[in-house]
């Protein structure tokens, strides 16, 4: 009887250690390659850098458009820009004219 009791105690301790080790291994693996782990955070950082560069480019384009719109406002109308827009829209070009579209 005593031998069986010692065997059960040793088996219970071994099972407890195996379960604890399995849990530690599982959570360590998830911390490294899981959905919110180290690998995913590096991918998020790369995506954030890419999107930040794209945002800066879009802001620059928007500022360019806003500047052109401001030049066409009724308060301060730029005659050269108005002439350029009219020629492009109507297709009236002299054979010696050079047109460079900025769109």
PDB file of N, CA and C in Angstrom:
ATOM      1  N   UNK A   1       0.797  -1.185   0.000  1.00  0.00           N
ATOM      2  CA  UNK A   1       0.000   0.000   0.000  1.00  0.00           C
ATOM      3  C   UNK A   1       0.849   1.263   0.000  1.00  0.00           C
ATOM      4  N   UNK A   2       1.868   1.261   0.763  1.00  0.00           N
ATOM      5  CA  UNK A   2       2.716   2.439   0.850  1.00  0.00           C
ATOM      6  C   UNK A   2       3.416   2.679  -0.496  1.00  0.00           C
ATOM      7  N   UNK A   3       3.801   1.629  -1.190  1.00  0.00           N
ATOM      8  CA  UNK A   3       4.474   1.769  -2.477  1.00  0.00           C
ATOM      9  C   UNK A   3       3.525   2.404  -3.490  1.00  0.00           C
ATOM     10  N   UNK A   4       2.278   1.976  -3.521  1.00  0.00           N
ATOM     11  CA  UNK A   4       1.309   2.560  -4.442  1.00  0.00           C
ATOM     12  C   UNK A   4       1.060   4.032  -4.108  1.00  0.00           C
ATOM     13  N   UNK A   5       1.043   4.377  -2.852  1.00  0.00           N
ATOM     14  CA  UNK A   5       0.816   5.757  -2.443  1.00  0.00           C
ATOM     15  C   UNK A   5       1.981   6.635  -2.900  1.00  0.00           C
ATOM     16  N   UNK A   6       3.212   6.165  -2.771  1.00  0.00           N
ATOM     17  CA  UNK A   6       4.384   6.916  -3.224  1.00  0.00           C
ATOM     18  C   UNK A   6       4.363   7.057  -4.747  1.00  0.00           C
ATOM     19  N   UNK A   7       3.951   5.982  -5.441  1.00  0.00           N
ATOM     20  CA  UNK A   7       3.902   6.023  -6.907  1.00  0.00           C
ATOM     21  C   UNK A   7       2.869   7.042  -7.368  1.00  0.00           C
ATOM     22  N   UNK A   8       1.714   7.090  -6.710  1.00  0.00           N
ATOM     23  CA  UNK A   8       0.674   8.056  -7.054  1.00  0.00           C
ATOM     24  C   UNK A   8       1.143   9.481  -6.774  1.00  0.00           C
ATOM     25  N   UNK A   9       1.829   9.685  -5.693  1.00  0.00           N
ATOM     26  CA  UNK A   9       2.353  11.012  -5.357  1.00  0.00           C
ATOM     27  C   UNK A   9       3.363  11.456  -6.401  1.00  0.00           C
ATOM     28  N   UNK A  10       4.259  10.572  -6.772  1.00  0.00           N
ATOM     29  CA  UNK A  10       5.269  10.907  -7.790  1.00  0.00           C
ATOM     30  C   UNK A  10       4.607  11.166  -9.141  1.00  0.00           C
ATOM     31  N   UNK A  11       3.597  10.370  -9.510  1.00  0.00           N
ATOM     32  CA  UNK A  11       2.895  10.567 -10.775  1.00  0.00           C
ATOM     33  C   UNK A  11       2.124  11.888 -10.765  1.00  0.00           C
ATOM     34  N   UNK A  12       1.531  12.240  -9.638  1.00  0.00           N
ATOM     35  CA  UNK A  12       0.796  13.501  -9.526  1.00  0.00           C
ATOM     36  C   UNK A  12       1.744  14.685  -9.646  1.00  0.00           C
ATOM     37  N   UNK A  13       2.899  14.605  -9.022  1.00  0.00           N
ATOM     38  CA  UNK A  13       3.882  15.685  -9.116  1.00  0.00           C
ATOM     39  C   UNK A  13       4.411  15.815 -10.544  1.00  0.00           C
ATOM     40  N   UNK A  14       4.675  14.670 -11.182  1.00  0.00           N
ATOM     41  CA  UNK A  14       5.149  14.684 -12.561  1.00  0.00           C
ATOM     42  C   UNK A  14       4.095  15.288 -13.490  1.00  0.00           C
ATOM     43  N   UNK A  15       2.834  14.926 -13.280  1.00  0.00           N
ATOM     44  CA  UNK A  15       1.749  15.477 -14.100  1.00  0.00           C
ATOM     45  C   UNK A  15       1.633  16.988 -13.882  1.00  0.00           C
ATOM     46  N   UNK A  16       1.763  17.430 -12.643  1.00  0.00           N
ATOM     47  CA  UNK A  16       1.701  18.852 -12.350  1.00  0.00           C
ATOM     48  C   UNK A  16       2.838  19.602 -13.042  1.00  0.00           C
ATOM     49  N   UNK A  17       4.039  19.067 -12.991  1.00  0.00           N
ATOM     50  CA  UNK A  17       5.192  19.700 -13.660  1.00  0.00           C
ATOM     51  C   UNK A  17       5.013  19.717 -15.180  1.00  0.00           C
ATOM     52  N   UNK A  18       4.472  18.636 -15.729  1.00  0.00           N
ATOM     53  CA  UNK A  18       4.254  18.605 -17.173  1.00  0.00           C
ATOM     54  C   UNK A  18       3.206  19.625 -17.614  1.00  0.00           C
ATOM     55  N   UNK A  19       2.129  19.748 -16.848  1.00  0.00           N
ATOM     56  CA  UNK A  19       1.100  20.731 -17.164  1.00  0.00           C
ATOM     57  C   UNK A  19       1.661  22.145 -17.035  1.00  0.00           C
ATOM     58  N   UNK A  20       2.414  22.419 -15.991  1.00  0.00           N
ATOM     59  CA  UNK A  20       2.999  23.749 -15.797  1.00  0.00           C
ATOM     60  C   UNK A  20       3.991  24.077 -16.912  1.00  0.00           C
ATOM     61  N   UNK A  21       4.818  23.112 -17.286  1.00  0.00           N
ATOM     62  CA  UNK A  21       5.778  23.319 -18.368  1.00  0.00           C
ATOM     63  C   UNK A  21       5.053  23.557 -19.695  1.00  0.00           C
ATOM     64  N   UNK A  22       4.016  22.787 -19.946  1.00  0.00           N
ATOM     65  CA  UNK A  22       3.229  22.975 -21.162  1.00  0.00           C
ATOM     66  C   UNK A  22       2.606  24.363 -21.222  1.00  0.00           C
ATOM     67  N   UNK A  23       2.088  24.840 -20.099  1.00  0.00           N
ATOM     68  CA  UNK A  23       1.485  26.174 -20.065  1.00  0.00           C
ATOM     69  C   UNK A  23       2.522  27.255 -20.320  1.00  0.00           C
ATOM     70  N   UNK A  24       3.695  27.110 -19.719  1.00  0.00           N
ATOM     71  CA  UNK A  24       4.762  28.089 -19.930  1.00  0.00           C
ATOM     72  C   UNK A  24       5.206  28.093 -21.388  1.00  0.00           C
ATOM     73  N   UNK A  25       5.368  26.923 -21.977  1.00  0.00           N
ATOM     74  CA  UNK A  25       5.777  26.831 -23.379  1.00  0.00           C
ATOM     75  C   UNK A  25       4.713  27.431 -24.281  1.00  0.00           C
ATOM     76  N   UNK A  26       3.456  27.133 -24.039  1.00  0.00           N
ATOM     77  CA  UNK A  26       2.362  27.653 -24.858  1.00  0.00           C
ATOM     78  C   UNK A  26       2.308  29.181 -24.810  1.00  0.00           C
ATOM     79  N   UNK A  27       2.337  29.745 -23.601  1.00  0.00           N
ATOM     80  CA  UNK A  27       2.239  31.200 -23.485  1.00  0.00           C
ATOM     81  C   UNK A  27       3.493  31.895 -24.017  1.00  0.00           C
ATOM     82  N   UNK A  28       4.642  31.275 -23.876  1.00  0.00           N
ATOM     83  CA  UNK A  28       5.865  31.846 -24.452  1.00  0.00           C
ATOM     84  C   UNK A  28       5.783  31.872 -25.971  1.00  0.00           C
ATOM     85  N   UNK A  29       5.305  30.799 -26.546  1.00  0.00           N
ATOM     86  CA  UNK A  29       5.163  30.734 -28.004  1.00  0.00           C
ATOM     87  C   UNK A  29       4.167  31.773 -28.488  1.00  0.00           C
ATOM     88  N   UNK A  30       3.062  31.947 -27.789  1.00  0.00           N
ATOM     89  CA  UNK A  30       2.062  32.940 -28.167  1.00  0.00           C
ATOM     90  C   UNK A  30       2.599  34.362 -28.010  1.00  0.00           C
ATOM     91  N   UNK A  31       3.436  34.585 -27.013  1.00  0.00           N
ATOM     92  CA  UNK A  31       4.023  35.910 -26.826  1.00  0.00           C
ATOM     93  C   UNK A  31       4.983  36.251 -27.952  1.00  0.00           C
ATOM     94  N   UNK A  32       5.549  35.253 -28.595  1.00  0.00           N
ATOM     95  CA  UNK A  32       6.498  35.506 -29.678  1.00  0.00           C
ATOM     96  C   UNK A  32       5.807  35.587 -31.043  1.00  0.00           C
ATOM     97  N   UNK A  33       4.975  34.603 -31.392  1.00  0.00           N
ATOM     98  CA  UNK A  33       4.392  34.557 -32.731  1.00  0.00           C
ATOM     99  C   UNK A  33       2.873  34.689 -32.734  1.00  0.00           C
ATOM    100  N   UNK A  34       2.263  35.028 -31.647  1.00  0.00           N
ATOM    101  CA  UNK A  34       0.806  35.148 -31.596  1.00  0.00           C
ATOM    102  C   UNK A  34       0.314  36.397 -32.306  1.00  0.00           C
ATOM    103  N   UNK A  35      -0.972  36.612 -32.269  1.00  0.00           N
ATOM    104  CA  UNK A  35      -1.595  37.748 -32.956  1.00  0.00           C
ATOM    105  C   UNK A  35      -1.110  39.088 -32.411  1.00  0.00           C
ATOM    106  N   UNK A  36      -0.705  39.140 -31.167  1.00  0.00           N
ATOM    107  CA  UNK A  36      -0.212  40.373 -30.552  1.00  0.00           C
ATOM    108  C   UNK A  36       1.206  40.192 -30.023  1.00  0.00           C
ATOM    109  N   UNK A  37       1.943  39.266 -30.592  1.00  0.00           N
ATOM    110  CA  UNK A  37       3.288  38.956 -30.117  1.00  0.00           C
ATOM    111  C   UNK A  37       4.351  39.860 -30.705  1.00  0.00           C
ATOM    112  N   UNK A  38       5.594  39.475 -30.499  1.00  0.00           N
ATOM    113  CA  UNK A  38       6.722  40.279 -30.954  1.00  0.00           C
ATOM    114  C   UNK A  38       6.800  40.365 -32.470  1.00  0.00           C
ATOM    115  N   UNK A  39       6.558  39.277 -33.153  1.00  0.00           N
ATOM    116  CA  UNK A  39       6.607  39.282 -34.614  1.00  0.00           C
ATOM    117  C   UNK A  39       5.521  40.192 -35.174  1.00  0.00           C
ATOM    118  N   UNK A  40       4.337  40.101 -34.619  1.00  0.00           N
ATOM    119  CA  UNK A  40       3.229  40.940 -35.087  1.00  0.00           C
ATOM    120  C   UNK A  40       3.498  42.413 -34.802  1.00  0.00           C
ATOM    121  N   UNK A  41       4.117  42.727 -33.674  1.00  0.00           N
ATOM    122  CA  UNK A  41       4.399  44.132 -33.367  1.00  0.00           C
ATOM    123  C   UNK A  41       5.424  44.702 -34.339  1.00  0.00           C
ATOM    124  N   UNK A  42       6.387  43.894 -34.769  1.00  0.00           N
ATOM    125  CA  UNK A  42       7.343  44.365 -35.786  1.00  0.00           C
ATOM    126  C   UNK A  42       6.628  44.626 -37.106  1.00  0.00           C
ATOM    127  N   UNK A  43       5.713  43.757 -37.484  1.00  0.00           N
ATOM    128  CA  UNK A  43       4.944  43.958 -38.715  1.00  0.00           C
ATOM    129  C   UNK A  43       4.074  45.208 -38.610  1.00  0.00           C
ATOM    130  N   UNK A  44       3.506  45.458 -37.432  1.00  0.00           N
ATOM    131  CA  UNK A  44       2.704  46.662 -37.225  1.00  0.00           C
ATOM    132  C   UNK A  44       3.565  47.913 -37.368  1.00  0.00           C
ATOM    133  N   UNK A  45       4.788  47.880 -36.844  1.00  0.00           N
ATOM    134  CA  UNK A  45       5.687  49.031 -36.944  1.00  0.00           C
ATOM    135  C   UNK A  45       6.033  49.329 -38.398  1.00  0.00           C
ATOM    136  N   UNK A  46       6.272  48.284 -39.196  1.00  0.00           N
ATOM    137  CA  UNK A  46       6.563  48.478 -40.617  1.00  0.00           C
ATOM    138  C   UNK A  46       5.342  49.056 -41.324  1.00  0.00           C
ATOM    139  N   UNK A  47       4.164  48.547 -41.001  1.00  0.00           N
ATOM    140  CA  UNK A  47       2.937  49.052 -41.611  1.00  0.00           C
ATOM    141  C   UNK A  47       2.678  50.498 -41.215  1.00  0.00           C
ATOM    142  N   UNK A  48       2.963  50.844 -39.961  1.00  0.00           N
ATOM    143  CA  UNK A  48       2.781  52.221 -39.501  1.00  0.00           C
ATOM    144  C   UNK A  48       3.719  53.154 -40.258  1.00  0.00           C
ATOM    145  N   UNK A  49       4.969  52.746 -40.466  1.00  0.00           N
ATOM    146  CA  UNK A  49       5.922  53.574 -41.206  1.00  0.00           C
ATOM    147  C   UNK A  49       5.474  53.770 -42.650  1.00  0.00           C
ATOM    148  N   UNK A  50       4.987  52.711 -43.278  1.00  0.00           N
ATOM    149  CA  UNK A  50       4.514  52.797 -44.659  1.00  0.00           C
ATOM    150  C   UNK A  50       3.312  53.728 -44.761  1.00  0.00           C
ATOM    151  N   UNK A  51       2.357  53.558 -43.866  1.00  0.00           N
ATOM    152  CA  UNK A  51       1.158  54.394 -43.897  1.00  0.00           C
ATOM    153  C   UNK A  51       1.462  55.848 -43.547  1.00  0.00           C
ATOM    154  N   UNK A  52       2.444  56.080 -42.675  1.00  0.00           N
ATOM    155  CA  UNK A  52       2.834  57.455 -42.348  1.00  0.00           C
ATOM    156  C   UNK A  52       3.441  58.145 -43.563  1.00  0.00           C
ATOM    157  N   UNK A  53       4.272  57.421 -44.318  1.00  0.00           N
ATOM    158  CA  UNK A  53       4.848  57.991 -45.536  1.00  0.00           C
ATOM    159  C   UNK A  53       3.758  58.278 -46.561  1.00  0.00           C
ATOM    160  N   UNK A  54       2.803  57.374 -46.692  1.00  0.00           N
ATOM    161  CA  UNK A  54       1.692  57.576 -47.625  1.00  0.00           C
ATOM    162  C   UNK A  54       0.841  58.775 -47.191  1.00  0.00           C
ATOM    163  N   UNK A  55       0.629  58.930 -45.893  1.00  0.00           N
ATOM    164  CA  UNK A  55      -0.140  60.063 -45.379  1.00  0.00           C
ATOM    165  C   UNK A  55       0.571  61.376 -45.675  1.00  0.00           C
ATOM    166  N   UNK A  56       1.885  61.407 -45.490  1.00  0.00           N
ATOM    167  CA  UNK A  56       2.644  62.626 -45.784  1.00  0.00           C
ATOM    168  C   UNK A  56       2.536  62.986 -47.259  1.00  0.00           C
ATOM    169  N   UNK A  57       2.611  61.995 -48.118  1.00  0.00           N
ATOM    170  CA  UNK A  57       2.475  62.245 -49.552  1.00  0.00           C
ATOM    171  C   UNK A  57       1.092  62.788 -49.888  1.00  0.00           C
ATOM    172  N   UNK A  58       0.054  62.198 -49.295  1.00  0.00           N
ATOM    173  CA  UNK A  58      -1.305  62.666 -49.549  1.00  0.00           C
ATOM    174  C   UNK A  58      -1.540  64.076 -49.013  1.00  0.00           C
ATOM    175  N   UNK A  59      -0.935  64.392 -47.876  1.00  0.00           N
ATOM    176  CA  UNK A  59      -1.061  65.743 -47.334  1.00  0.00           C
ATOM    177  C   UNK A  59      -0.390  66.754 -48.254  1.00  0.00           C
ATOM    178  N   UNK A  60       0.753  66.388 -48.803  1.00  0.00           N
ATOM    179  CA  UNK A  60       1.452  67.271 -49.728  1.00  0.00           C
ATOM    180  C   UNK A  60       0.616  67.508 -50.990  1.00  0.00           C
ATOM    181  N   UNK A  61       0.011  66.450 -51.509  1.00  0.00           N
ATOM    182  CA  UNK A  61      -0.853  66.585 -52.679  1.00  0.00           C
ATOM    183  C   UNK A  61      -2.051  67.465 -52.368  1.00  0.00           C
ATOM    184  N   UNK A  62      -2.633  67.258 -51.206  1.00  0.00           N
ATOM    185  CA  UNK A  62      -3.791  68.066 -50.824  1.00  0.00           C
ATOM    186  C   UNK A  62      -3.411  69.535 -50.687  1.00  0.00           C
ATOM    187  N   UNK A  63      -2.268  69.817 -50.084  1.00  0.00           N
ATOM    188  CA  UNK A  63      -1.822  71.199 -49.956  1.00  0.00           C
ATOM    189  C   UNK A  63      -1.601  71.834 -51.329  1.00  0.00           C
ATOM    190  N   UNK A  64      -1.097  71.060 -52.271  1.00  0.00           N
ATOM    191  CA  UNK A  64      -0.906  71.560 -53.634  1.00  0.00           C
ATOM    192  C   UNK A  64      -2.243  71.921 -54.263  1.00  0.00           C
ATOM    193  N   UNK A  65      -3.234  71.044 -54.101  1.00  0.00           N
ATOM    194  CA  UNK A  65      -4.568  71.324 -54.637  1.00  0.00           C
ATOM    195  C   UNK A  65      -5.199  72.535 -53.959  1.00  0.00           C
ATOM    196  N   UNK A  66      -5.042  72.631 -52.639  1.00  0.00           N
ATOM    197  CA  UNK A  66      -5.604  73.776 -51.924  1.00  0.00           C
ATOM    198  C   UNK A  66      -4.959  75.081 -52.374  1.00  0.00           C
ATOM    199  N   UNK A  67      -3.657  75.041 -52.650  1.00  0.00           N
ATOM    200  CA  UNK A  67      -2.971  76.231 -53.130  1.00  0.00           C
ATOM    201  C   UNK A  67      -3.516  76.656 -54.497  1.00  0.00           C
ATOM    202  N   UNK A  68      -3.710  75.691 -55.383  1.00  0.00           N
ATOM    203  CA  UNK A  68      -4.257  76.009 -56.711  1.00  0.00           C
ATOM    204  C   UNK A  68      -5.692  76.541 -56.593  1.00  0.00           C
ATOM    205  N   UNK A  69      -6.459  75.992 -55.678  1.00  0.00           N
ATOM    206  CA  UNK A  69      -7.829  76.480 -55.467  1.00  0.00           C
ATOM    207  C   UNK A  69      -7.805  77.903 -54.917  1.00  0.00           C
ATOM    208  N   UNK A  70      -6.868  78.172 -53.996  1.00  0.00           N
ATOM    209  CA  UNK A  70      -6.752  79.533 -53.461  1.00  0.00           C
ATOM    210  C   UNK A  70      -6.383  80.525 -54.559  1.00  0.00           C
ATOM    211  N   UNK A  71      -5.544  80.107 -55.507  1.00  0.00           N
ATOM    212  CA  UNK A  71      -5.175  81.001 -56.603  1.00  0.00           C
ATOM    213  C   UNK A  71      -6.356  81.290 -57.519  1.00  0.00           C
ATOM    214  N   UNK A  72      -7.336  80.391 -57.570  1.00  0.00           N
ATOM    215  CA  UNK A  72      -8.510  80.595 -58.403  1.00  0.00           C
ATOM    216  C   UNK A  72      -9.671  81.249 -57.655  1.00  0.00           C
ATOM    217  N   UNK A  73      -9.480  81.604 -56.401  1.00  0.00           N
ATOM    218  CA  UNK A  73     -10.575  82.224 -55.647  1.00  0.00           C
ATOM    219  C   UNK A  73     -10.849  83.625 -56.195  1.00  0.00           C
ATOM    220  N   UNK A  74     -12.038  84.123 -55.961  1.00  0.00           N
ATOM    221  CA  UNK A  74     -12.435  85.410 -56.529  1.00  0.00           C
ATOM    222  C   UNK A  74     -11.700  86.581 -55.880  1.00  0.00           C
ATOM    223  N   UNK A  75     -11.196  86.420 -54.677  1.00  0.00           N
ATOM    224  CA  UNK A  75     -10.485  87.507 -53.997  1.00  0.00           C
ATOM    225  C   UNK A  75      -9.144  87.803 -54.658  1.00  0.00           C
ATOM    226  N   UNK A  76      -8.421  86.788 -55.023  1.00  0.00           N
ATOM    227  CA  UNK A  76      -7.092  86.969 -55.605  1.00  0.00           C
ATOM    228  C   UNK A  76      -6.945  86.034 -56.805  1.00  0.00           C
ATOM    229  N   UNK A  77      -7.488  86.405 -57.895  1.00  0.00           N
ATOM    230  CA  UNK A  77      -7.486  85.580 -59.094  1.00  0.00           C
ATOM    231  C   UNK A  77      -6.154  85.738 -59.826  1.00  0.00           C
ATOM    232  N   UNK A  78      -5.486  84.634 -60.080  1.00  0.00           N
ATOM    233  CA  UNK A  78      -4.227  84.644 -60.818  1.00  0.00           C
ATOM    234  C   UNK A  78      -4.536  84.500 -62.308  1.00  0.00           C
ATOM    235  N   UNK A  79      -4.262  85.524 -63.106  1.00  0.00           N
ATOM    236  CA  UNK A  79      -4.633  85.474 -64.520  1.00  0.00           C
ATOM    237  C   UNK A  79      -3.905  84.369 -65.297  1.00  0.00           C
ATOM    238  N   UNK A  80      -2.673  84.094 -64.957  1.00  0.00           N
ATOM    239  CA  UNK A  80      -1.935  83.042 -65.666  1.00  0.00           C
ATOM    240  C   UNK A  80      -2.556  81.672 -65.417  1.00  0.00           C
ATOM    241  N   UNK A  81      -2.918  81.418 -64.179  1.00  0.00           N
ATOM    242  CA  UNK A  81      -3.538  80.133 -63.862  1.00  0.00           C
ATOM    243  C   UNK A  81      -4.912  80.017 -64.511  1.00  0.00           C
ATOM    244  N   UNK A  82      -5.655  81.120 -64.531  1.00  0.00           N
ATOM    245  CA  UNK A  82      -6.963  81.110 -65.169  1.00  0.00           C
ATOM    246  C   UNK A  82      -6.823  80.829 -66.666  1.00  0.00           C
ATOM    247  N   UNK A  83      -5.853  81.468 -67.308  1.00  0.00           N
ATOM    248  CA  UNK A  83      -5.615  81.254 -68.732  1.00  0.00           C
ATOM    249  C   UNK A  83      -5.208  79.803 -68.992  1.00  0.00           C
ATOM    250  N   UNK A  84      -4.340  79.276 -68.142  1.00  0.00           N
ATOM    251  CA  UNK A  84      -3.893  77.873 -68.297  1.00  0.00           C
ATOM    252  C   UNK A  84      -5.060  76.909 -68.175  1.00  0.00           C
ATOM    253  N   UNK A  85      -5.902  77.092 -67.156  1.00  0.00           N
ATOM    254  CA  UNK A  85      -7.044  76.213 -66.953  1.00  0.00           C
ATOM    255  C   UNK A  85      -8.037  76.309 -68.117  1.00  0.00           C
ATOM    256  N   UNK A  86      -8.262  77.533 -68.600  1.00  0.00           N
ATOM    257  CA  UNK A  86      -9.199  77.707 -69.704  1.00  0.00           C
ATOM    258  C   UNK A  86      -8.681  77.019 -70.969  1.00  0.00           C
ATOM    259  N   UNK A  87      -7.398  77.167 -71.255  1.00  0.00           N
ATOM    260  CA  UNK A  87      -6.833  76.545 -72.454  1.00  0.00           C
ATOM    261  C   UNK A  87      -6.885  75.014 -72.355  1.00  0.00           C
ATOM    262  N   UNK A  88      -6.600  74.480 -71.177  1.00  0.00           N
ATOM    263  CA  UNK A  88      -6.638  73.024 -71.014  1.00  0.00           C
ATOM    264  C   UNK A  88      -8.063  72.504 -71.145  1.00  0.00           C
ATOM    265  N   UNK A  89      -9.011  73.179 -70.484  1.00  0.00           N
ATOM    266  CA  UNK A  89     -10.400  72.715 -70.510  1.00  0.00           C
ATOM    267  C   UNK A  89     -11.040  72.840 -71.891  1.00  0.00           C
ATOM    268  N   UNK A  90     -10.762  73.958 -72.592  1.00  0.00           N
ATOM    269  CA  UNK A  90     -11.389  74.196 -73.884  1.00  0.00           C
ATOM    270  C   UNK A  90     -10.612  73.591 -75.051  1.00  0.00           C
ATOM    271  N   UNK A  91      -9.356  73.259 -74.799  1.00  0.00           N
ATOM    272  CA  UNK A  91      -8.538  72.675 -75.856  1.00  0.00           C
ATOM    273  C   UNK A  91      -8.073  73.701 -76.872  1.00  0.00           C
ATOM    274  N   UNK A  92      -7.999  74.974 -76.483  1.00  0.00           N
ATOM    275  CA  UNK A  92      -7.537  76.032 -77.391  1.00  0.00           C
ATOM    276  C   UNK A  92      -6.046  76.215 -77.187  1.00  0.00           C
ATOM    277  N   UNK A  93      -5.294  75.701 -78.111  1.00  0.00           N
ATOM    278  CA  UNK A  93      -3.841  75.835 -78.023  1.00  0.00           C
ATOM    279  C   UNK A  93      -3.303  76.339 -79.351  1.00  0.00           C
ATOM    280  N   UNK A  94      -2.360  77.211 -79.250  1.00  0.00           N
ATOM    281  CA  UNK A  94      -1.642  77.673 -80.432  1.00  0.00           C
ATOM    282  C   UNK A  94      -0.566  76.642 -80.739  1.00  0.00           C
ATOM    283  N   UNK A  95      -0.222  76.420 -82.019  1.00  0.00           N
ATOM    284  CA  UNK A  95       0.793  75.398 -82.347  1.00  0.00           C
ATOM    285  C   UNK A  95       2.138  75.634 -81.659  1.00  0.00           C
ATOM    286  N   UNK A  96       2.443  76.867 -81.287  1.00  0.00           N
ATOM    287  CA  UNK A  96       3.722  77.153 -80.633  1.00  0.00           C
ATOM    288  C   UNK A  96       3.638  77.082 -79.110  1.00  0.00           C
ATOM    289  N   UNK A  97       2.455  76.823 -78.574  1.00  0.00           N
ATOM    290  CA  UNK A  97       2.288  76.746 -77.114  1.00  0.00           C
ATOM    291  C   UNK A  97       2.807  75.417 -76.584  1.00  0.00           C
ATOM    292  N   UNK A  98       3.340  75.484 -75.392  1.00  0.00           N
ATOM    293  CA  UNK A  98       3.734  74.273 -74.681  1.00  0.00           C
ATOM    294  C   UNK A  98       2.867  74.193 -73.425  1.00  0.00           C
ATOM    295  N   UNK A  99       2.242  73.049 -73.266  1.00  0.00           N
ATOM    296  CA  UNK A  99       1.385  72.865 -72.092  1.00  0.00           C
ATOM    297  C   UNK A  99       1.955  71.715 -71.275  1.00  0.00           C
ATOM    298  N   UNK A 100       2.197  71.995 -70.007  1.00  0.00           N
ATOM    299  CA  UNK A 100       2.679  70.986 -69.072  1.00  0.00           C
ATOM    300  C   UNK A 100       1.591  70.818 -68.029  1.00  0.00           C
ATOM    301  N   UNK A 101       0.944  69.667 -68.018  1.00  0.00           N
ATOM    302  CA  UNK A 101      -0.125  69.421 -67.054  1.00  0.00           C
ATOM    303  C   UNK A 101       0.483  68.958 -65.740  1.00  0.00           C
ATOM    304  N   UNK A 102      -0.019  69.498 -64.647  1.00  0.00           N
ATOM    305  CA  UNK A 102       0.498  69.160 -63.332  1.00  0.00           C
ATOM    306  C   UNK A 102      -0.410  68.204 -62.596  1.00  0.00           C
ATOM    307  N   UNK A 103      -1.375  67.659 -63.245  1.00  0.00           N
ATOM    308  CA  UNK A 103      -2.317  66.761 -62.560  1.00  0.00           C
ATOM    309  C   UNK A 103      -1.834  65.364 -62.559  1.00  0.00           C
TER     310      UNK A 103
END
